Amino acid sequence: MIRIQFLTPPDGTLQGFLMEGHAGYGEAGTDIVCAAVSSAAYLTVNTLTEICHVSPLSLRAGEGEMFFRIEPKDEPICRDLLAGLKLHLTSLEEQYPDGLRVGYMEI
């Protein structure tokens, strides 16, 4: 199962995410749930860093893991893209409840 934690300070804004695990929906390289989650995460991070020119506070990506955190000052720039990622991933969670779980981590 892919576990996704959106990073939120006490004010409830989205300031990043942590994704870990594998969906286990299909064989490695053919898992549509993993592909959908990975594609959405990379699209979000690449758009924020390369198009919006946000310098992340932290960015780590590896096998079965991605961690992305923004500076609080960049929240207005990142707000809509992170909200869109959350919407997409919660929709996937409804479609594939055994493949991923979306939650929140207070920072």
PDB file of N, CA and C in Angstrom:
ATOM      1  N   MET A   1       0.838  -1.184   0.000  1.00  0.00           N
ATOM      2  CA  MET A   1       0.000   0.000   0.000  1.00  0.00           C
ATOM      3  C   MET A   1       0.882   1.246   0.000  1.00  0.00           C
ATOM      4  N   ILE A   2       0.471   2.236  -0.767  1.00  0.00           N
ATOM      5  CA  ILE A   2       1.153   3.528  -0.777  1.00  0.00           C
ATOM      6  C   ILE A   2       0.525   4.385   0.317  1.00  0.00           C
ATOM      7  N   ARG A   3       1.367   4.905   1.197  1.00  0.00           N
ATOM      8  CA  ARG A   3       0.910   5.798   2.256  1.00  0.00           C
ATOM      9  C   ARG A   3       1.343   7.216   1.888  1.00  0.00           C
ATOM     10  N   ILE A   4       0.376   8.116   1.847  1.00  0.00           N
ATOM     11  CA  ILE A   4       0.637   9.506   1.485  1.00  0.00           C
ATOM     12  C   ILE A   4       0.232  10.377   2.664  1.00  0.00           C
ATOM     13  N   GLN A   5       1.160  11.182   3.131  1.00  0.00           N
ATOM     14  CA  GLN A   5       0.899  12.113   4.223  1.00  0.00           C
ATOM     15  C   GLN A   5       1.128  13.526   3.694  1.00  0.00           C
ATOM     16  N   PHE A   6       0.077  14.346   3.700  1.00  0.00           N
ATOM     17  CA  PHE A   6       0.242  15.751   3.343  1.00  0.00           C
ATOM     18  C   PHE A   6       0.709  16.500   4.583  1.00  0.00           C
ATOM     19  N   LEU A   7       1.733  17.317   4.423  1.00  0.00           N
ATOM     20  CA  LEU A   7       2.324  18.065   5.531  1.00  0.00           C
ATOM     21  C   LEU A   7       1.532  19.345   5.745  1.00  0.00           C
ATOM     22  N   THR A   8       1.004  19.496   6.957  1.00  0.00           N
ATOM     23  CA  THR A   8       0.179  20.663   7.262  1.00  0.00           C
ATOM     24  C   THR A   8       0.590  21.270   8.601  1.00  0.00           C
ATOM     25  N   PRO A   9       0.839  22.577   8.634  1.00  0.00           N
ATOM     26  CA  PRO A   9       1.048  23.256   9.907  1.00  0.00           C
ATOM     27  C   PRO A   9      -0.308  23.453  10.590  1.00  0.00           C
ATOM     28  N   PRO A  10      -0.319  23.990  11.803  1.00  0.00           N
ATOM     29  CA  PRO A  10      -1.589  24.178  12.516  1.00  0.00           C
ATOM     30  C   PRO A  10      -2.645  24.990  11.758  1.00  0.00           C
ATOM     31  N   ASP A  11      -2.225  25.850  10.825  1.00  0.00           N
ATOM     32  CA  ASP A  11      -3.218  26.639  10.087  1.00  0.00           C
ATOM     33  C   ASP A  11      -3.918  25.842   8.983  1.00  0.00           C
ATOM     34  N   GLY A  12      -3.499  24.593   8.764  1.00  0.00           N
ATOM     35  CA  GLY A  12      -4.177  23.717   7.810  1.00  0.00           C
ATOM     36  C   GLY A  12      -3.744  23.842   6.365  1.00  0.00           C
ATOM     37  N   THR A  13      -2.795  24.729   6.067  1.00  0.00           N
ATOM     38  CA  THR A  13      -2.326  24.841   4.687  1.00  0.00           C
ATOM     39  C   THR A  13      -1.503  23.608   4.316  1.00  0.00           C
ATOM     40  N   LEU A  14      -1.360  23.367   3.025  1.00  0.00           N
ATOM     41  CA  LEU A  14      -0.551  22.247   2.544  1.00  0.00           C
ATOM     42  C   LEU A  14       0.854  22.755   2.256  1.00  0.00           C
ATOM     43  N   GLN A  15       1.852  22.091   2.862  1.00  0.00           N
ATOM     44  CA  GLN A  15       3.230  22.530   2.663  1.00  0.00           C
ATOM     45  C   GLN A  15       4.134  21.406   2.193  1.00  0.00           C
ATOM     46  N   GLY A  16       3.527  20.370   1.631  1.00  0.00           N
ATOM     47  CA  GLY A  16       4.326  19.292   1.075  1.00  0.00           C
ATOM     48  C   GLY A  16       3.662  17.952   1.301  1.00  0.00           C
ATOM     49  N   PHE A  17       4.431  16.893   1.041  1.00  0.00           N
ATOM     50  CA  PHE A  17       3.899  15.544   1.201  1.00  0.00           C
ATOM     51  C   PHE A  17       5.029  14.538   1.362  1.00  0.00           C
ATOM     52  N   LEU A  18       4.676  13.406   1.917  1.00  0.00           N
ATOM     53  CA  LEU A  18       5.549  12.241   2.019  1.00  0.00           C
ATOM     54  C   LEU A  18       4.779  11.071   1.445  1.00  0.00           C
ATOM     55  N   MET A  19       5.373  10.369   0.489  1.00  0.00           N
ATOM     56  CA  MET A  19       4.771   9.166  -0.094  1.00  0.00           C
ATOM     57  C   MET A  19       5.735   8.019   0.126  1.00  0.00           C
ATOM     58  N   GLU A  20       5.196   6.891   0.572  1.00  0.00           N
ATOM     59  CA  GLU A  20       6.024   5.710   0.800  1.00  0.00           C
ATOM     60  C   GLU A  20       5.248   4.460   0.428  1.00  0.00           C
ATOM     61  N   GLY A  21       5.956   3.476  -0.091  1.00  0.00           N
ATOM     62  CA  GLY A  21       5.363   2.173  -0.326  1.00  0.00           C
ATOM     63  C   GLY A  21       5.021   1.909  -1.777  1.00  0.00           C
ATOM     64  N   HIS A  22       4.400   0.753  -1.976  1.00  0.00           N
ATOM     65  CA  HIS A  22       3.976   0.300  -3.297  1.00  0.00           C
ATOM     66  C   HIS A  22       2.519  -0.135  -3.213  1.00  0.00           C
ATOM     67  N   ALA A  23       1.778   0.095  -4.270  1.00  0.00           N
ATOM     68  CA  ALA A  23       0.346  -0.223  -4.265  1.00  0.00           C
ATOM     69  C   ALA A  23       0.093  -1.722  -4.233  1.00  0.00           C
ATOM     70  N   GLY A  24       0.930  -2.487  -4.906  1.00  0.00           N
ATOM     71  CA  GLY A  24       0.709  -3.929  -4.961  1.00  0.00           C
ATOM     72  C   GLY A  24      -0.487  -4.309  -5.813  1.00  0.00           C
ATOM     73  N   TYR A  25      -0.898  -3.429  -6.691  1.00  0.00           N
ATOM     74  CA  TYR A  25      -2.065  -3.681  -7.541  1.00  0.00           C
ATOM     75  C   TYR A  25      -1.704  -4.555  -8.735  1.00  0.00           C
ATOM     76  N   GLY A  26      -0.469  -4.440  -9.193  1.00  0.00           N
ATOM     77  CA  GLY A  26      -0.001  -5.229 -10.331  1.00  0.00           C
ATOM     78  C   GLY A  26       1.475  -5.526 -10.175  1.00  0.00           C
ATOM     79  N   GLU A  27       2.034  -6.234 -11.144  1.00  0.00           N
ATOM     80  CA  GLU A  27       3.456  -6.555 -11.111  1.00  0.00           C
ATOM     81  C   GLU A  27       4.286  -5.285 -11.267  1.00  0.00           C
ATOM     82  N   ALA A  28       5.502  -5.336 -10.735  1.00  0.00           N
ATOM     83  CA  ALA A  28       6.405  -4.194 -10.858  1.00  0.00           C
ATOM     84  C   ALA A  28       6.542  -3.814 -12.327  1.00  0.00           C
ATOM     85  N   GLY A  29       6.409  -2.527 -12.599  1.00  0.00           N
ATOM     86  CA  GLY A  29       6.497  -2.034 -13.964  1.00  0.00           C
ATOM     87  C   GLY A  29       5.175  -1.991 -14.700  1.00  0.00           C
ATOM     88  N   THR A  30       4.143  -2.627 -14.134  1.00  0.00           N
ATOM     89  CA  THR A  30       2.824  -2.621 -14.781  1.00  0.00           C
ATOM     90  C   THR A  30       1.712  -2.202 -13.827  1.00  0.00           C
ATOM     91  N   ASP A  31       2.069  -1.742 -12.653  1.00  0.00           N
ATOM     92  CA  ASP A  31       1.090  -1.374 -11.626  1.00  0.00           C
ATOM     93  C   ASP A  31       0.502   0.002 -11.952  1.00  0.00           C
ATOM     94  N   ILE A  32      -0.761   0.022 -12.370  1.00  0.00           N
ATOM     95  CA  ILE A  32      -1.377   1.286 -12.789  1.00  0.00           C
ATOM     96  C   ILE A  32      -1.587   2.253 -11.628  1.00  0.00           C
ATOM     97  N   VAL A  33      -1.772   1.739 -10.422  1.00  0.00           N
ATOM     98  CA  VAL A  33      -1.959   2.621  -9.267  1.00  0.00           C
ATOM     99  C   VAL A  33      -0.643   3.321  -8.937  1.00  0.00           C
ATOM    100  N   CYS A  34       0.443   2.557  -8.888  1.00  0.00           N
ATOM    101  CA  CYS A  34       1.761   3.167  -8.648  1.00  0.00           C
ATOM    102  C   CYS A  34       2.089   4.183  -9.734  1.00  0.00           C
ATOM    103  N   ALA A  35       1.787   3.843 -10.975  1.00  0.00           N
ATOM    104  CA  ALA A  35       2.071   4.754 -12.088  1.00  0.00           C
ATOM    105  C   ALA A  35       1.271   6.043 -11.955  1.00  0.00           C
ATOM    106  N   ALA A  36       0.011   5.943 -11.593  1.00  0.00           N
ATOM    107  CA  ALA A  36      -0.833   7.134 -11.454  1.00  0.00           C
ATOM    108  C   ALA A  36      -0.338   8.032 -10.323  1.00  0.00           C
ATOM    109  N   VAL A  37       0.000   7.434  -9.193  1.00  0.00           N
ATOM    110  CA  VAL A  37       0.474   8.201  -8.039  1.00  0.00           C
ATOM    111  C   VAL A  37       1.822   8.849  -8.351  1.00  0.00           C
ATOM    112  N   SER A  38       2.751   8.071  -8.909  1.00  0.00           N
ATOM    113  CA  SER A  38       4.079   8.600  -9.238  1.00  0.00           C
ATOM    114  C   SER A  38       3.997   9.727 -10.255  1.00  0.00           C
ATOM    115  N   SER A  39       3.212   9.523 -11.282  1.00  0.00           N
ATOM    116  CA  SER A  39       3.077  10.535 -12.327  1.00  0.00           C
ATOM    117  C   SER A  39       2.527  11.840 -11.761  1.00  0.00           C
ATOM    118  N   ALA A  40       1.510  11.757 -10.925  1.00  0.00           N
ATOM    119  CA  ALA A  40       0.926  12.959 -10.320  1.00  0.00           C
ATOM    120  C   ALA A  40       1.930  13.666  -9.414  1.00  0.00           C
ATOM    121  N   ALA A  41       2.693  12.895  -8.641  1.00  0.00           N
ATOM    122  CA  ALA A  41       3.680  13.491  -7.738  1.00  0.00           C
ATOM    123  C   ALA A  41       4.782  14.194  -8.522  1.00  0.00           C
ATOM    124  N   TYR A  42       5.312  13.517  -9.540  1.00  0.00           N
ATOM    125  CA  TYR A  42       6.382  14.130 -10.336  1.00  0.00           C
ATOM    126  C   TYR A  42       5.884  15.348 -11.110  1.00  0.00           C
ATOM    127  N   LEU A  43       4.677  15.283 -11.638  1.00  0.00           N
ATOM    128  CA  LEU A  43       4.102  16.439 -12.334  1.00  0.00           C
ATOM    129  C   LEU A  43       4.029  17.640 -11.391  1.00  0.00           C
ATOM    130  N   THR A  44       3.554  17.409 -10.172  1.00  0.00           N
ATOM    131  CA  THR A  44       3.421  18.488  -9.191  1.00  0.00           C
ATOM    132  C   THR A  44       4.775  19.074  -8.822  1.00  0.00           C
ATOM    133  N   VAL A  45       5.720  18.212  -8.454  1.00  0.00           N
ATOM    134  CA  VAL A  45       7.041  18.681  -8.030  1.00  0.00           C
ATOM    135  C   VAL A  45       7.765  19.373  -9.182  1.00  0.00           C
ATOM    136  N   ASN A  46       7.739  18.775 -10.369  1.00  0.00           N
ATOM    137  CA  ASN A  46       8.430  19.390 -11.506  1.00  0.00           C
ATOM    138  C   ASN A  46       7.814  20.734 -11.890  1.00  0.00           C
ATOM    139  N   THR A  47       6.502  20.841 -11.839  1.00  0.00           N
ATOM    140  CA  THR A  47       5.856  22.116 -12.155  1.00  0.00           C
ATOM    141  C   THR A  47       6.246  23.182 -11.137  1.00  0.00           C
ATOM    142  N   LEU A  48       6.218  22.818  -9.860  1.00  0.00           N
ATOM    143  CA  LEU A  48       6.560  23.800  -8.827  1.00  0.00           C
ATOM    144  C   LEU A  48       8.023  24.220  -8.891  1.00  0.00           C
ATOM    145  N   THR A  49       8.930  23.274  -9.132  1.00  0.00           N
ATOM    146  CA  THR A  49      10.356  23.619  -9.122  1.00  0.00           C
ATOM    147  C   THR A  49      10.837  24.213 -10.447  1.00  0.00           C
ATOM    148  N   GLU A  50      10.356  23.691 -11.564  1.00  0.00           N
ATOM    149  CA  GLU A  50      10.881  24.116 -12.864  1.00  0.00           C
ATOM    150  C   GLU A  50      10.078  25.243 -13.517  1.00  0.00           C
ATOM    151  N   ILE A  51       8.780  25.282 -13.314  1.00  0.00           N
ATOM    152  CA  ILE A  51       7.934  26.298 -13.942  1.00  0.00           C
ATOM    153  C   ILE A  51       7.682  27.467 -12.984  1.00  0.00           C
ATOM    154  N   CYS A  52       7.337  27.138 -11.736  1.00  0.00           N
ATOM    155  CA  CYS A  52       7.046  28.186 -10.736  1.00  0.00           C
ATOM    156  C   CYS A  52       8.302  28.653 -10.003  1.00  0.00           C
ATOM    157  N   HIS A  53       9.426  27.957 -10.203  1.00  0.00           N
ATOM    158  CA  HIS A  53      10.725  28.319  -9.626  1.00  0.00           C
ATOM    159  C   HIS A  53      10.718  28.352  -8.099  1.00  0.00           C
ATOM    160  N   VAL A  54      10.027  27.384  -7.503  1.00  0.00           N
ATOM    161  CA  VAL A  54      10.029  27.223  -6.050  1.00  0.00           C
ATOM    162  C   VAL A  54      11.249  26.383  -5.671  1.00  0.00           C
ATOM    163  N   SER A  55      12.024  26.867  -4.712  1.00  0.00           N
ATOM    164  CA  SER A  55      13.146  26.083  -4.183  1.00  0.00           C
ATOM    165  C   SER A  55      12.641  25.336  -2.959  1.00  0.00           C
ATOM    166  N   PRO A  56      12.540  24.003  -3.037  1.00  0.00           N
ATOM    167  CA  PRO A  56      11.978  23.265  -1.911  1.00  0.00           C
ATOM    168  C   PRO A  56      12.875  23.319  -0.678  1.00  0.00           C
ATOM    169  N   LEU A  57      12.240  23.302   0.466  1.00  0.00           N
ATOM    170  CA  LEU A  57      12.961  23.179   1.723  1.00  0.00           C
ATOM    171  C   LEU A  57      13.624  21.807   1.771  1.00  0.00           C
ATOM    172  N   SER A  58      12.911  20.800   1.245  1.00  0.00           N
ATOM    173  CA  SER A  58      13.436  19.439   1.189  1.00  0.00           C
ATOM    174  C   SER A  58      12.808  18.711   0.009  1.00  0.00           C
ATOM    175  N   LEU A  59      13.632  17.932  -0.694  1.00  0.00           N
ATOM    176  CA  LEU A  59      13.157  17.109  -1.800  1.00  0.00           C
ATOM    177  C   LEU A  59      13.994  15.848  -1.844  1.00  0.00           C
ATOM    178  N   ARG A  60      13.307  14.718  -1.769  1.00  0.00           N
ATOM    179  CA  ARG A  60      13.968  13.418  -1.802  1.00  0.00           C
ATOM    180  C   ARG A  60      13.087  12.482  -2.611  1.00  0.00           C
ATOM    181  N   ALA A  61      13.659  11.794  -3.555  1.00  0.00           N
ATOM    182  CA  ALA A  61      12.895  10.824  -4.340  1.00  0.00           C
ATOM    183  C   ALA A  61      13.755   9.585  -4.534  1.00  0.00           C
ATOM    184  N   GLY A  62      13.158   8.436  -4.300  1.00  0.00           N
ATOM    185  CA  GLY A  62      13.872   7.181  -4.461  1.00  0.00           C
ATOM    186  C   GLY A  62      12.886   6.062  -4.713  1.00  0.00           C
ATOM    187  N   GLU A  63      13.362   4.853  -4.681  1.00  0.00           N
ATOM    188  CA  GLU A  63      12.522   3.684  -4.913  1.00  0.00           C
ATOM    189  C   GLU A  63      11.438   3.603  -3.840  1.00  0.00           C
ATOM    190  N   GLY A  64      10.205   3.803  -4.249  1.00  0.00           N
ATOM    191  CA  GLY A  64       9.077   3.680  -3.333  1.00  0.00           C
ATOM    192  C   GLY A  64       8.932   4.810  -2.334  1.00  0.00           C
ATOM    193  N   GLU A  65       9.577   5.960  -2.600  1.00  0.00           N
ATOM    194  CA  GLU A  65       9.488   7.070  -1.647  1.00  0.00           C
ATOM    195  C   GLU A  65       9.642   8.409  -2.366  1.00  0.00           C
ATOM    196  N   MET A  66       8.885   9.397  -1.914  1.00  0.00           N
ATOM    197  CA  MET A  66       9.100  10.781  -2.325  1.00  0.00           C
ATOM    198  C   MET A  66       8.718  11.680  -1.155  1.00  0.00           C
ATOM    199  N   PHE A  67       9.598  12.636  -0.871  1.00  0.00           N
ATOM    200  CA  PHE A  67       9.354  13.623   0.176  1.00  0.00           C
ATOM    201  C   PHE A  67       9.581  14.998  -0.432  1.00  0.00           C
ATOM    202  N   PHE A  68       8.596  15.878  -0.278  1.00  0.00           N
ATOM    203  CA  PHE A  68       8.677  17.229  -0.830  1.00  0.00           C
ATOM    204  C   PHE A  68       8.093  18.182   0.195  1.00  0.00           C
ATOM    205  N   ARG A  69       8.880  19.200   0.549  1.00  0.00           N
ATOM    206  CA  ARG A  69       8.405  20.191   1.520  1.00  0.00           C
ATOM    207  C   ARG A  69       8.822  21.578   1.057  1.00  0.00           C
ATOM    208  N   ILE A  70       7.888  22.502   1.149  1.00  0.00           N
ATOM    209  CA  ILE A  70       8.146  23.874   0.719  1.00  0.00           C
ATOM    210  C   ILE A  70       8.406  24.774   1.919  1.00  0.00           C
ATOM    211  N   GLU A  71       8.982  25.918   1.625  1.00  0.00           N
ATOM    212  CA  GLU A  71       9.120  26.972   2.631  1.00  0.00           C
ATOM    213  C   GLU A  71       7.730  27.570   2.864  1.00  0.00           C
ATOM    214  N   PRO A  72       7.377  27.912   4.099  1.00  0.00           N
ATOM    215  CA  PRO A  72       6.067  28.526   4.345  1.00  0.00           C
ATOM    216  C   PRO A  72       5.796  29.754   3.470  1.00  0.00           C
ATOM    217  N   LYS A  73       6.824  30.521   3.149  1.00  0.00           N
ATOM    218  CA  LYS A  73       6.642  31.725   2.322  1.00  0.00           C
ATOM    219  C   LYS A  73       6.169  31.388   0.905  1.00  0.00           C
ATOM    220  N   ASP A  74       6.413  30.154   0.449  1.00  0.00           N
ATOM    221  CA  ASP A  74       6.020  29.745  -0.901  1.00  0.00           C
ATOM    222  C   ASP A  74       4.625  29.128  -0.961  1.00  0.00           C
ATOM    223  N   GLU A  75       3.951  29.042   0.159  1.00  0.00           N
ATOM    224  CA  GLU A  75       2.624  28.412   0.185  1.00  0.00           C
ATOM    225  C   GLU A  75       1.639  29.047  -0.796  1.00  0.00           C
ATOM    226  N   PRO A  76       1.582  30.383  -0.919  1.00  0.00           N
ATOM    227  CA  PRO A  76       0.630  30.953  -1.884  1.00  0.00           C
ATOM    228  C   PRO A  76       0.892  30.511  -3.328  1.00  0.00           C
ATOM    229  N   ILE A  77       2.157  30.345  -3.694  1.00  0.00           N
ATOM    230  CA  ILE A  77       2.510  29.905  -5.045  1.00  0.00           C
ATOM    231  C   ILE A  77       2.123  28.439  -5.249  1.00  0.00           C
ATOM    232  N   CYS A  78       2.285  27.631  -4.214  1.00  0.00           N
ATOM    233  CA  CYS A  78       2.113  26.178  -4.307  1.00  0.00           C
ATOM    234  C   CYS A  78       0.700  25.704  -3.991  1.00  0.00           C
ATOM    235  N   ARG A  79      -0.101  26.556  -3.408  1.00  0.00           N
ATOM    236  CA  ARG A  79      -1.420  26.187  -2.877  1.00  0.00           C
ATOM    237  C   ARG A  79      -2.265  25.391  -3.869  1.00  0.00           C
ATOM    238  N   ASP A  80      -2.470  25.912  -5.055  1.00  0.00           N
ATOM    239  CA  ASP A  80      -3.387  25.272  -6.002  1.00  0.00           C
ATOM    240  C   ASP A  80      -2.856  23.940  -6.524  1.00  0.00           C
ATOM    241  N   LEU A  81      -1.562  23.873  -6.806  1.00  0.00           N
ATOM    242  CA  LEU A  81      -1.013  22.604  -7.301  1.00  0.00           C
ATOM    243  C   LEU A  81      -1.043  21.522  -6.230  1.00  0.00           C
ATOM    244  N   LEU A  82      -0.708  21.870  -4.994  1.00  0.00           N
ATOM    245  CA  LEU A  82      -0.774  20.874  -3.921  1.00  0.00           C
ATOM    246  C   LEU A  82      -2.217  20.458  -3.642  1.00  0.00           C
ATOM    247  N   ALA A  83      -3.149  21.396  -3.726  1.00  0.00           N
ATOM    248  CA  ALA A  83      -4.569  21.053  -3.551  1.00  0.00           C
ATOM    249  C   ALA A  83      -5.039  20.141  -4.682  1.00  0.00           C
ATOM    250  N   GLY A  84      -4.574  20.397  -5.900  1.00  0.00           N
ATOM    251  CA  GLY A  84      -4.916  19.534  -7.027  1.00  0.00           C
ATOM    252  C   GLY A  84      -4.353  18.136  -6.863  1.00  0.00           C
ATOM    253  N   LEU A  85      -3.126  18.038  -6.360  1.00  0.00           N
ATOM    254  CA  LEU A  85      -2.530  16.727  -6.087  1.00  0.00           C
ATOM    255  C   LEU A  85      -3.349  15.988  -5.042  1.00  0.00           C
ATOM    256  N   LYS A  86      -3.732  16.687  -3.981  1.00  0.00           N
ATOM    257  CA  LYS A  86      -4.548  16.063  -2.929  1.00  0.00           C
ATOM    258  C   LYS A  86      -5.875  15.574  -3.495  1.00  0.00           C
ATOM    259  N   LEU A  87      -6.526  16.377  -4.305  1.00  0.00           N
ATOM    260  CA  LEU A  87      -7.792  15.982  -4.925  1.00  0.00           C
ATOM    261  C   LEU A  87      -7.617  14.736  -5.789  1.00  0.00           C
ATOM    262  N   HIS A  88      -6.583  14.721  -6.605  1.00  0.00           N
ATOM    263  CA  HIS A  88      -6.320  13.578  -7.478  1.00  0.00           C
ATOM    264  C   HIS A  88      -6.060  12.312  -6.659  1.00  0.00           C
ATOM    265  N   LEU A  89      -5.224  12.431  -5.633  1.00  0.00           N
ATOM    266  CA  LEU A  89      -4.870  11.250  -4.843  1.00  0.00           C
ATOM    267  C   LEU A  89      -6.039  10.752  -3.999  1.00  0.00           C
ATOM    268  N   THR A  90      -6.866  11.633  -3.475  1.00  0.00           N
ATOM    269  CA  THR A  90      -8.037  11.162  -2.723  1.00  0.00           C
ATOM    270  C   THR A  90      -9.044  10.497  -3.657  1.00  0.00           C
ATOM    271  N   SER A  91      -9.126  10.952  -4.906  1.00  0.00           N
ATOM    272  CA  SER A  91      -9.980  10.275  -5.889  1.00  0.00           C
ATOM    273  C   SER A  91      -9.448   8.877  -6.187  1.00  0.00           C
ATOM    274  N   LEU A  92      -8.130   8.758  -6.335  1.00  0.00           N
ATOM    275  CA  LEU A  92      -7.532   7.436  -6.546  1.00  0.00           C
ATOM    276  C   LEU A  92      -7.753   6.535  -5.333  1.00  0.00           C
ATOM    277  N   GLU A  93      -7.684   7.121  -4.145  1.00  0.00           N
ATOM    278  CA  GLU A  93      -7.914   6.345  -2.922  1.00  0.00           C
ATOM    279  C   GLU A  93      -9.328   5.764  -2.910  1.00  0.00           C
ATOM    280  N   GLU A  94     -10.304   6.532  -3.373  1.00  0.00           N
ATOM    281  CA  GLU A  94     -11.683   6.033  -3.445  1.00  0.00           C
ATOM    282  C   GLU A  94     -11.810   4.895  -4.454  1.00  0.00           C
ATOM    283  N   GLN A  95     -11.092   4.992  -5.562  1.00  0.00           N
ATOM    284  CA  GLN A  95     -11.157   3.972  -6.603  1.00  0.00           C
ATOM    285  C   GLN A  95     -10.369   2.719  -6.249  1.00  0.00           C
ATOM    286  N   TYR A  96      -9.263   2.879  -5.537  1.00  0.00           N
ATOM    287  CA  TYR A  96      -8.364   1.773  -5.200  1.00  0.00           C
ATOM    288  C   TYR A  96      -8.053   1.794  -3.701  1.00  0.00           C
ATOM    289  N   PRO A  97      -9.046   1.517  -2.848  1.00  0.00           N
ATOM    290  CA  PRO A  97      -8.845   1.650  -1.399  1.00  0.00           C
ATOM    291  C   PRO A  97      -7.795   0.696  -0.821  1.00  0.00           C
ATOM    292  N   ASP A  98      -7.498  -0.386  -1.516  1.00  0.00           N
ATOM    293  CA  ASP A  98      -6.456  -1.296  -1.035  1.00  0.00           C
ATOM    294  C   ASP A  98      -5.073  -0.901  -1.542  1.00  0.00           C
ATOM    295  N   GLY A  99      -5.014   0.108  -2.418  1.00  0.00           N
ATOM    296  CA  GLY A  99      -3.746   0.485  -3.031  1.00  0.00           C
ATOM    297  C   GLY A  99      -3.064   1.689  -2.422  1.00  0.00           C
ATOM    298  N   LEU A 100      -3.852   2.609  -1.862  1.00  0.00           N
ATOM    299  CA  LEU A 100      -3.238   3.786  -1.259  1.00  0.00           C
ATOM    300  C   LEU A 100      -4.115   4.351  -0.155  1.00  0.00           C
ATOM    301  N   ARG A 101      -3.455   5.068   0.741  1.00  0.00           N
ATOM    302  CA  ARG A 101      -4.132   5.710   1.861  1.00  0.00           C
ATOM    303  C   ARG A 101      -3.592   7.129   1.970  1.00  0.00           C
ATOM    304  N   VAL A 102      -4.499   8.103   2.000  1.00  0.00           N
ATOM    305  CA  VAL A 102      -4.127   9.513   2.097  1.00  0.00           C
ATOM    306  C   VAL A 102      -4.434  10.008   3.503  1.00  0.00           C
ATOM    307  N   GLY A 103      -3.478  10.712   4.100  1.00  0.00           N
ATOM    308  CA  GLY A 103      -3.669  11.267   5.436  1.00  0.00           C
ATOM    309  C   GLY A 103      -2.911  12.581   5.573  1.00  0.00           C
ATOM    310  N   TYR A 104      -2.778  13.029   6.803  1.00  0.00           N
ATOM    311  CA  TYR A 104      -2.154  14.319   7.084  1.00  0.00           C
ATOM    312  C   TYR A 104      -1.168  14.170   8.223  1.00  0.00           C
ATOM    313  N   MET A 105      -0.082  14.930   8.149  1.00  0.00           N
ATOM    314  CA  MET A 105       0.935  14.955   9.193  1.00  0.00           C
ATOM    315  C   MET A 105       1.144  16.409   9.592  1.00  0.00           C
ATOM    316  N   GLU A 106       0.895  16.716  10.858  1.00  0.00           N
ATOM    317  CA  GLU A 106       1.093  18.088  11.316  1.00  0.00           C
ATOM    318  C   GLU A 106       2.579  18.361  11.470  1.00  0.00           C
ATOM    319  N   ILE A 107       2.987  19.520  10.980  1.00  0.00           N
ATOM    320  CA  ILE A 107       4.405  19.898  11.069  1.00  0.00           C
ATOM    321  C   ILE A 107       4.555  21.158  11.903  1.00  0.00           C
TER     322      ILE A 107
END
